Amino acid sequence: MREWWLLVGLLCIPLLAVYLHIPPPQLSPALLTWRSAGAFFTFRSNNIFYRETYGAVGSSDVVILLHGFPTSSLDWYKIWEPLNRRFNRVIALDFLGFGFSDKPRPHRYSIFEQASVVEALVSHLGLTEQRVNLLSHDYGDTVALELLYRSDHNRTGHLTINSLCLSNGGIFPETHHPRFLQKLLKDSSFLSPVLTRLTNYMVFSKGLGDVFGPYTQPTDAEFLDMWTGVRFNDGNLVMDSILQFINQRDEHRDRWVGALTSTFIPVHMIYGPLDPVNPHPQFIFLYQYKCRWLCNNSPERPWLNLEKKYLVFASACLELYSLLPSRLLPSSTTILEVVRVSCWSFSWSGLIISLGPIWIDPSFDSLTICPTNASHC
């Protein structure tokens, strides 16, 4: 019996060695096209990928797109052209450790460093004096809140933020529920190097698919592109280091949630309630509570008065609606006129938006997508 187990062990060793040296998938045509349309700049000896296009003539508006974990700037490809028709410049980057950007290891990845990467990109593009709009998702939300904090406190090199639009992300640690593998990677220092090497496409696609809504599941090709972006430059081997952002959210909660609740800059939230990581109703109730407090205690903030300005970043939301079949929207619909609009679910990068009506509550600055059987959120 002992000899049998010994033979099994000896057989598994070369098989495991072969598995651990499986090369990353080849870049798909979509990924090759995306990379060829972008460029690189250097941040602290690391190459950072970004993409920039010029769009609307006669407008000086700039929007910077901040992607989520564990993907890349490719998240935004479905709404790139609609945004390009609205903004003069549309800019997205791959954070350090993501996508086509360098993925140094060992390295202490942090939200603070990623915010500095964004500031360096803005400086590289000559936009230091330009007011910019930020559109963020998931991991990018926390980077955006650090940028917001620096802007509000006039830190050297800070962005001049015109408006901020957040979407599903763990901005409140108390309502954030990381996936099981994320917990293992962020907390199990001795297991992390093994887990990062053993994670494969099936594990990845299953875990990521669970955080999409039932009507917004990526295609197999999209899942493979996401996985290829992770594997590019051995990015799977730095996932445990990057996931320390979850612990950083706990440690710096007062700084980042405080920035959200004290800013004078217009802030807007797009939330999909089928998000298992930031579940409904806990997340949206806390967000509403924070915004109600801000409304009640900040009469000097005119952007909170929806009679004057219903929704910040309304034009971007309108562009999202343009992705919907026209037959599903009432005629002559504008964001300022909508109180409730029944619309079909759609997929916007990693954003989860489910089948349901849109509800705009005049008591706070928020847009939520409610379940179909809900009278309101």
Protein backbone atom coordinates (compact mmCIF):
# COMPACT_ATOMS: atom_id res chain seq x y z
CA MET A 1 0.00 0.00 0.00
CA ARG A 2 2.81 2.38 0.89
CA GLU A 3 4.49 1.71 -2.45
CA TRP A 4 1.24 2.53 -4.28
CA TRP A 5 0.98 5.97 -2.70
CA LEU A 6 4.65 6.55 -3.41
CA LEU A 7 4.10 5.82 -7.11
CA VAL A 8 1.10 8.19 -7.20
CA GLY A 9 3.20 10.91 -5.58
CA LEU A 10 6.06 10.43 -8.01
CA LEU A 11 3.63 10.63 -10.93
CA CYS A 12 1.97 13.79 -9.61
CA ILE A 13 5.22 15.71 -9.26
CA PRO A 14 5.99 15.95 -13.01
CA LEU A 15 2.31 16.54 -13.81
CA LEU A 16 2.19 19.42 -11.33
CA ALA A 17 5.42 20.82 -12.74
CA VAL A 18 3.96 20.77 -16.25
CA TYR A 19 0.74 22.41 -15.01
CA LEU A 20 2.60 25.21 -13.25
CA HIS A 21 4.46 26.02 -16.46
CA ILE A 22 1.43 26.20 -18.75
CA PRO A 23 2.02 29.32 -20.85
CA PRO A 24 -0.56 32.13 -20.75
CA PRO A 25 -3.22 32.20 -23.48
CA GLN A 26 -2.40 34.02 -26.69
CA LEU A 27 -3.82 37.52 -27.03
CA SER A 28 -7.13 37.48 -28.88
CA PRO A 29 -7.78 39.83 -31.82
CA ALA A 30 -9.83 42.01 -29.46
CA LEU A 31 -6.94 42.30 -27.00
CA LEU A 32 -4.41 42.92 -29.77
CA THR A 33 -6.61 45.68 -31.17
CA TRP A 34 -7.05 47.24 -27.74
CA ARG A 35 -3.33 47.21 -27.02
CA SER A 36 -2.39 48.59 -30.42
CA ALA A 37 -4.78 51.50 -29.88
CA GLY A 38 -3.09 52.44 -26.61
CA ALA A 39 0.29 53.66 -25.41
CA PHE A 40 2.59 53.45 -22.40
CA PHE A 41 4.13 55.91 -20.00
CA THR A 42 6.65 55.31 -17.25
CA PHE A 43 5.79 55.48 -13.56
CA ARG A 44 8.66 54.78 -11.14
CA SER A 45 10.44 52.60 -13.71
CA ASN A 46 7.24 50.66 -14.52
CA ASN A 47 5.39 50.81 -17.83
CA ILE A 48 1.72 51.77 -17.48
CA PHE A 49 -0.69 51.11 -20.33
CA TYR A 50 -3.35 53.67 -21.17
CA ARG A 51 -5.73 54.46 -23.98
CA GLU A 52 -6.89 57.91 -24.99
CA THR A 53 -9.21 59.07 -27.76
CA TYR A 54 -10.56 62.43 -28.83
CA GLY A 55 -14.28 62.65 -29.34
CA ALA A 56 -16.90 65.40 -29.14
CA VAL A 57 -15.94 68.51 -31.07
CA GLY A 58 -16.62 71.78 -29.29
CA SER A 59 -16.43 70.21 -25.85
CA SER A 60 -13.53 70.42 -23.43
CA ASP A 61 -14.89 67.73 -21.09
CA VAL A 62 -12.50 64.97 -20.08
CA VAL A 63 -13.47 61.65 -18.50
CA ILE A 64 -11.03 59.20 -16.90
CA LEU A 65 -12.18 55.59 -16.47
CA LEU A 66 -10.92 53.55 -13.50
CA HIS A 67 -11.45 49.80 -13.82
CA GLY A 68 -12.11 47.12 -11.23
CA PHE A 69 -10.42 44.00 -9.88
CA PRO A 70 -9.09 41.75 -11.39
CA THR A 71 -9.60 43.03 -14.91
CA SER A 72 -8.34 46.00 -16.92
CA SER A 73 -9.25 49.01 -19.04
CA LEU A 74 -10.87 46.63 -21.51
CA ASP A 75 -13.83 46.63 -19.10
CA TRP A 76 -14.97 49.85 -20.71
CA TYR A 77 -14.97 48.79 -24.36
CA LYS A 78 -18.77 48.47 -24.62
CA ILE A 79 -19.36 52.11 -23.73
CA TRP A 80 -16.19 53.62 -25.15
CA GLU A 81 -17.75 54.94 -28.34
CA PRO A 82 -20.89 56.34 -26.64
CA LEU A 83 -18.69 58.17 -24.14
CA ASN A 84 -16.49 59.35 -26.99
CA ARG A 85 -19.52 61.05 -28.54
CA ARG A 86 -20.14 62.94 -25.30
CA PHE A 87 -16.64 63.83 -24.06
CA ASN A 88 -13.79 65.57 -25.83
CA ARG A 89 -11.25 63.15 -24.34
CA VAL A 90 -11.89 59.64 -23.02
CA ILE A 91 -8.99 58.13 -21.07
CA ALA A 92 -8.55 54.75 -19.41
CA LEU A 93 -5.53 53.02 -17.92
CA ASP A 94 -4.49 49.63 -16.63
CA PHE A 95 -3.48 50.03 -13.00
CA LEU A 96 -0.06 48.78 -11.98
CA GLY A 97 -0.32 44.99 -11.75
CA PHE A 98 -3.26 44.78 -14.17
CA GLY A 99 -3.80 44.22 -17.87
CA PHE A 100 -0.92 45.32 -20.10
CA SER A 101 0.81 47.37 -17.40
CA ASP A 102 3.90 46.03 -15.64
CA LYS A 103 3.33 43.61 -12.76
CA PRO A 104 6.40 43.83 -10.54
CA ARG A 105 6.97 41.22 -7.85
CA PRO A 106 7.68 41.21 -5.07
CA HIS A 107 5.91 44.55 -4.70
CA ARG A 108 3.77 46.25 -2.09
CA TYR A 109 0.68 47.22 -4.09
CA SER A 110 -1.52 49.89 -2.57
CA ILE A 111 -4.45 52.16 -3.34
CA PHE A 112 -2.23 55.15 -2.58
CA GLU A 113 0.23 54.10 -5.27
CA GLN A 114 -2.55 53.53 -7.82
CA ALA A 115 -3.89 57.03 -7.13
CA SER A 116 -0.40 58.36 -7.77
CA VAL A 117 -0.34 56.41 -11.05
CA VAL A 118 -3.51 58.23 -12.14
CA GLU A 119 -2.04 61.60 -11.15
CA ALA A 120 1.13 60.79 -13.09
CA LEU A 121 -0.94 59.91 -16.17
CA VAL A 122 -2.84 63.20 -15.92
CA SER A 123 0.46 65.05 -15.72
CA HIS A 124 1.86 63.01 -18.63
CA LEU A 125 -1.12 64.00 -20.78
CA GLY A 126 -0.82 67.68 -19.85
CA LEU A 127 -4.13 67.79 -18.01
CA THR A 128 -2.89 69.05 -14.66
CA GLU A 129 -4.93 72.26 -14.91
CA GLN A 130 -7.92 70.57 -16.55
CA ARG A 131 -11.08 69.74 -14.63
CA VAL A 132 -11.69 66.02 -15.12
CA ASN A 133 -14.64 63.71 -14.58
CA LEU A 134 -13.97 60.33 -12.97
CA LEU A 135 -15.99 57.21 -13.77
CA SER A 136 -14.99 54.26 -11.62
CA HIS A 137 -15.93 50.69 -10.78
CA ASP A 138 -15.10 48.29 -7.90
CA TYR A 139 -11.34 48.59 -7.15
CA GLY A 140 -11.39 51.85 -9.10
CA ASP A 141 -13.94 53.28 -6.65
CA THR A 142 -11.42 53.18 -3.83
CA VAL A 143 -8.72 54.71 -6.02
CA ALA A 144 -11.23 57.44 -6.94
CA LEU A 145 -11.98 58.13 -3.26
CA GLU A 146 -8.27 58.53 -2.54
CA LEU A 147 -8.04 60.96 -5.47
CA LEU A 148 -11.09 62.76 -4.06
CA TYR A 149 -9.43 63.02 -0.64
CA ARG A 150 -6.26 64.48 -2.18
CA SER A 151 -8.26 66.93 -4.27
CA ASP A 152 -10.32 68.15 -1.32
CA HIS A 153 -7.18 68.55 0.80
CA ASN A 154 -5.16 70.28 -1.96
CA ARG A 155 -2.40 67.70 -1.90
CA THR A 156 0.53 68.39 -4.23
CA GLY A 157 -0.13 67.04 -7.71
CA HIS A 158 -3.79 66.38 -7.05
CA LEU A 159 -6.41 66.18 -9.79
CA THR A 160 -8.95 68.93 -10.29
CA ILE A 161 -12.09 66.82 -10.17
CA ASN A 162 -15.22 68.13 -11.83
CA SER A 163 -17.47 65.20 -10.87
CA LEU A 164 -17.23 61.62 -9.68
CA CYS A 165 -19.41 58.70 -10.72
CA LEU A 166 -18.96 55.52 -8.68
CA SER A 167 -20.40 52.11 -9.52
CA ASN A 168 -20.66 48.85 -7.58
CA GLY A 169 -17.64 48.71 -5.29
CA GLY A 170 -16.78 48.00 -1.67
CA ILE A 171 -16.62 51.61 -0.53
CA PHE A 172 -18.05 50.60 2.87
CA PRO A 173 -16.03 47.80 4.52
CA GLU A 174 -18.95 46.91 6.78
CA THR A 175 -21.16 45.94 3.83
CA HIS A 176 -18.38 44.38 1.73
CA HIS A 177 -18.30 40.58 1.45
CA PRO A 178 -15.23 39.36 -0.48
CA ARG A 179 -15.40 36.01 -2.28
CA PHE A 180 -13.92 32.97 -0.54
CA LEU A 181 -10.81 32.83 -2.76
CA GLN A 182 -10.21 36.55 -2.21
CA LYS A 183 -10.25 36.00 1.55
CA LEU A 184 -7.75 33.16 1.25
CA LEU A 185 -5.41 35.16 -0.95
CA LYS A 186 -5.46 38.32 1.15
CA ASP A 187 -5.03 36.61 4.53
CA SER A 188 -3.18 33.32 3.98
CA SER A 189 0.40 34.39 3.47
CA PHE A 190 1.81 30.85 3.40
CA LEU A 191 -0.90 29.55 1.03
CA SER A 192 -1.07 32.53 -1.30
CA PRO A 193 1.93 31.66 -3.51
CA VAL A 194 0.49 28.18 -4.04
CA LEU A 195 -3.07 29.39 -4.68
CA THR A 196 -2.00 32.03 -7.19
CA ARG A 197 -0.18 29.35 -9.19
CA LEU A 198 -2.98 26.79 -8.97
CA THR A 199 -5.76 29.18 -10.00
CA ASN A 200 -6.83 28.35 -13.55
CA TYR A 201 -9.30 29.56 -16.14
CA MET A 202 -12.18 27.43 -14.84
CA VAL A 203 -11.76 28.65 -11.26
CA PHE A 204 -11.39 32.23 -12.49
CA SER A 205 -14.42 32.24 -14.80
CA LYS A 206 -16.63 30.53 -12.21
CA GLY A 207 -15.68 32.99 -9.49
CA LEU A 208 -16.03 36.05 -11.70
CA GLY A 209 -19.26 34.80 -13.27
CA ASP A 210 -20.85 34.62 -9.83
CA VAL A 211 -20.64 38.39 -9.43
CA PHE A 212 -22.43 39.13 -12.69
CA GLY A 213 -26.21 39.23 -12.92
CA PRO A 214 -28.07 36.39 -14.64
CA TYR A 215 -28.82 38.55 -17.67
CA THR A 216 -25.34 40.10 -17.97
CA GLN A 217 -23.03 37.08 -18.04
CA PRO A 218 -19.93 37.62 -20.19
CA THR A 219 -19.45 35.46 -23.22
CA ASP A 220 -16.81 32.72 -23.22
CA ALA A 221 -14.63 34.97 -25.37
CA GLU A 222 -14.96 37.84 -22.87
CA PHE A 223 -14.12 35.55 -19.94
CA LEU A 224 -11.05 34.31 -21.82
CA ASP A 225 -9.95 37.88 -22.56
CA MET A 226 -10.26 38.75 -18.87
CA TRP A 227 -8.23 35.68 -17.90
CA THR A 228 -5.63 36.43 -20.57
CA GLY A 229 -5.28 39.93 -19.13
CA VAL A 230 -4.69 38.45 -15.69
CA ARG A 231 -2.11 35.92 -16.98
CA PHE A 232 -0.31 38.52 -19.10
CA ASN A 233 3.16 39.14 -17.59
CA ASP A 234 2.37 36.58 -14.85
CA GLY A 235 -0.27 38.80 -13.30
CA ASN A 236 -1.85 35.84 -11.53
CA LEU A 237 1.23 35.71 -9.30
CA VAL A 238 0.61 39.20 -7.87
CA MET A 239 -3.10 38.79 -7.11
CA ASP A 240 -2.45 38.14 -3.43
CA SER A 241 -0.42 41.35 -3.16
CA ILE A 242 -3.03 43.41 -4.98
CA LEU A 243 -5.83 41.98 -2.81
CA GLN A 244 -4.33 43.75 0.19
CA PHE A 245 -6.56 46.62 -0.95
CA ILE A 246 -9.37 44.93 0.99
CA ASN A 247 -7.38 45.25 4.20
CA GLN A 248 -6.43 48.79 3.23
CA ARG A 249 -10.12 49.67 2.94
CA ASP A 250 -10.61 48.62 6.56
CA GLU A 251 -7.53 50.46 7.75
CA HIS A 252 -8.30 53.71 5.93
CA ARG A 253 -12.10 53.64 6.12
CA ASP A 254 -12.38 57.02 7.83
CA ARG A 255 -10.18 58.64 5.21
CA TRP A 256 -12.06 57.33 2.18
CA VAL A 257 -15.64 57.24 3.46
CA GLY A 258 -14.96 60.62 5.02
CA ALA A 259 -13.95 61.95 1.61
CA LEU A 260 -17.24 60.71 0.17
CA THR A 261 -19.37 62.33 2.86
CA SER A 262 -17.53 65.64 3.15
CA THR A 263 -16.73 66.58 -0.43
CA PHE A 264 -18.15 69.57 -2.26
CA ILE A 265 -17.57 67.80 -5.58
CA PRO A 266 -20.68 66.32 -7.28
CA VAL A 267 -20.88 62.57 -6.63
CA HIS A 268 -23.16 60.02 -8.26
CA MET A 269 -23.65 56.30 -7.64
CA ILE A 270 -24.76 53.62 -10.10
CA TYR A 271 -25.66 50.46 -8.23
CA GLY A 272 -26.76 47.01 -9.36
CA PRO A 273 -28.57 45.20 -6.52
CA LEU A 274 -27.65 41.68 -7.63
CA ASP A 275 -24.09 42.28 -6.48
CA PRO A 276 -23.19 39.49 -3.99
CA VAL A 277 -20.04 41.30 -2.86
CA ASN A 278 -21.87 44.52 -1.94
CA PRO A 279 -25.34 43.09 -1.38
CA HIS A 280 -28.70 44.76 -1.56
CA PRO A 281 -30.22 46.23 0.57
CA GLN A 282 -27.38 46.71 3.07
CA PHE A 283 -25.08 48.59 0.71
CA ILE A 284 -27.60 50.96 -0.81
CA PHE A 285 -29.26 51.66 2.56
CA LEU A 286 -25.90 52.72 3.99
CA TYR A 287 -25.15 54.84 0.93
CA GLN A 288 -28.57 56.48 1.19
CA TYR A 289 -28.05 57.13 4.88
CA LYS A 290 -24.71 58.81 4.23
CA CYS A 291 -26.18 60.94 1.45
CA ARG A 292 -29.25 61.90 3.46
CA TRP A 293 -26.96 63.03 6.28
CA LEU A 294 -24.99 65.08 3.78
CA CYS A 295 -28.17 66.63 2.39
CA ASN A 296 -29.48 67.51 5.84
CA ASN A 297 -26.20 68.97 7.03
CA SER A 298 -24.91 70.65 3.90
CA PRO A 299 -27.40 73.23 2.59
CA GLU A 300 -24.50 75.08 0.98
CA ARG A 301 -23.98 72.21 -1.51
CA PRO A 302 -26.29 73.19 -4.40
CA TRP A 303 -25.47 70.04 -6.38
CA LEU A 304 -27.46 68.06 -3.83
CA ASN A 305 -30.59 69.95 -4.82
CA LEU A 306 -31.98 67.75 -7.58
CA GLU A 307 -34.30 70.53 -8.74
CA LYS A 308 -31.18 72.35 -9.88
CA LYS A 309 -29.18 69.36 -11.02
CA TYR A 310 -30.98 66.02 -10.99
CA LEU A 311 -28.05 63.73 -11.54
CA VAL A 312 -24.38 64.32 -11.75
CA PHE A 313 -22.81 62.65 -14.77
CA ALA A 314 -26.26 62.47 -16.33
CA SER A 315 -24.83 62.57 -19.82
CA ALA A 316 -22.80 59.41 -19.18
CA CYS A 317 -25.95 57.68 -17.97
CA LEU A 318 -27.74 58.76 -21.10
CA GLU A 319 -24.99 57.16 -23.12
CA LEU A 320 -25.57 53.94 -21.22
CA TYR A 321 -29.22 54.10 -22.17
CA SER A 322 -28.18 54.44 -25.79
CA LEU A 323 -26.95 50.84 -25.61
CA LEU A 324 -30.50 49.65 -24.96
CA PRO A 325 -32.91 48.71 -27.75
CA SER A 326 -34.98 51.81 -28.43
CA ARG A 327 -38.21 49.86 -28.20
CA LEU A 328 -37.56 49.36 -24.48
CA LEU A 329 -37.41 53.07 -23.72
CA PRO A 330 -40.27 55.58 -23.82
CA SER A 331 -40.02 58.27 -26.46
CA SER A 332 -38.37 61.61 -25.66
CA THR A 333 -36.75 60.24 -22.53
CA THR A 334 -34.07 62.31 -20.83
CA ILE A 335 -32.38 61.73 -17.52
CA LEU A 336 -33.92 64.88 -16.10
CA GLU A 337 -37.43 63.69 -16.88
CA VAL A 338 -37.10 60.11 -15.71
CA VAL A 339 -38.69 59.15 -12.44
CA ARG A 340 -39.23 55.53 -13.27
CA VAL A 341 -38.32 53.85 -16.51
CA SER A 342 -38.69 50.12 -17.01
CA CYS A 343 -35.74 48.92 -18.98
CA TRP A 344 -34.06 45.67 -19.93
CA SER A 345 -30.88 44.66 -18.21
CA PHE A 346 -27.62 45.32 -19.95
CA SER A 347 -23.97 44.66 -19.33
CA TRP A 348 -21.64 47.58 -18.80
CA SER A 349 -18.12 46.24 -18.35
CA GLY A 350 -18.08 44.53 -14.97
CA LEU A 351 -21.05 46.54 -13.74
CA ILE A 352 -24.03 44.45 -12.67
CA ILE A 353 -27.32 46.02 -13.73
CA SER A 354 -30.36 43.79 -13.45
CA LEU A 355 -33.75 43.68 -15.06
CA GLY A 356 -35.80 46.32 -13.30
CA PRO A 357 -37.05 49.90 -13.15
CA ILE A 358 -34.81 52.89 -12.56
CA TRP A 359 -35.76 54.88 -9.50
CA ILE A 360 -34.54 58.39 -8.77
CA ASP A 361 -35.11 59.39 -5.15
CA PRO A 362 -35.26 63.20 -4.85
CA SER A 363 -33.92 63.08 -1.29
CA PHE A 364 -30.41 62.04 -2.24
CA ASP A 365 -28.07 61.89 -5.18
CA SER A 366 -28.37 58.27 -6.22
CA LEU A 367 -29.47 56.11 -9.09
CA THR A 368 -30.33 52.51 -8.27
CA ILE A 369 -31.67 49.70 -10.35
CA CYS A 370 -34.41 48.01 -8.36
CA PRO A 371 -35.75 44.45 -8.52
CA THR A 372 -38.77 44.17 -10.77
CA ASN A 373 -41.12 43.56 -7.86
CA ALA A 374 -39.96 46.60 -5.88
CA SER A 375 -42.03 49.77 -5.72
CA HIS A 376 -38.89 51.71 -4.91
CA CYS A 377 -35.45 51.17 -3.40
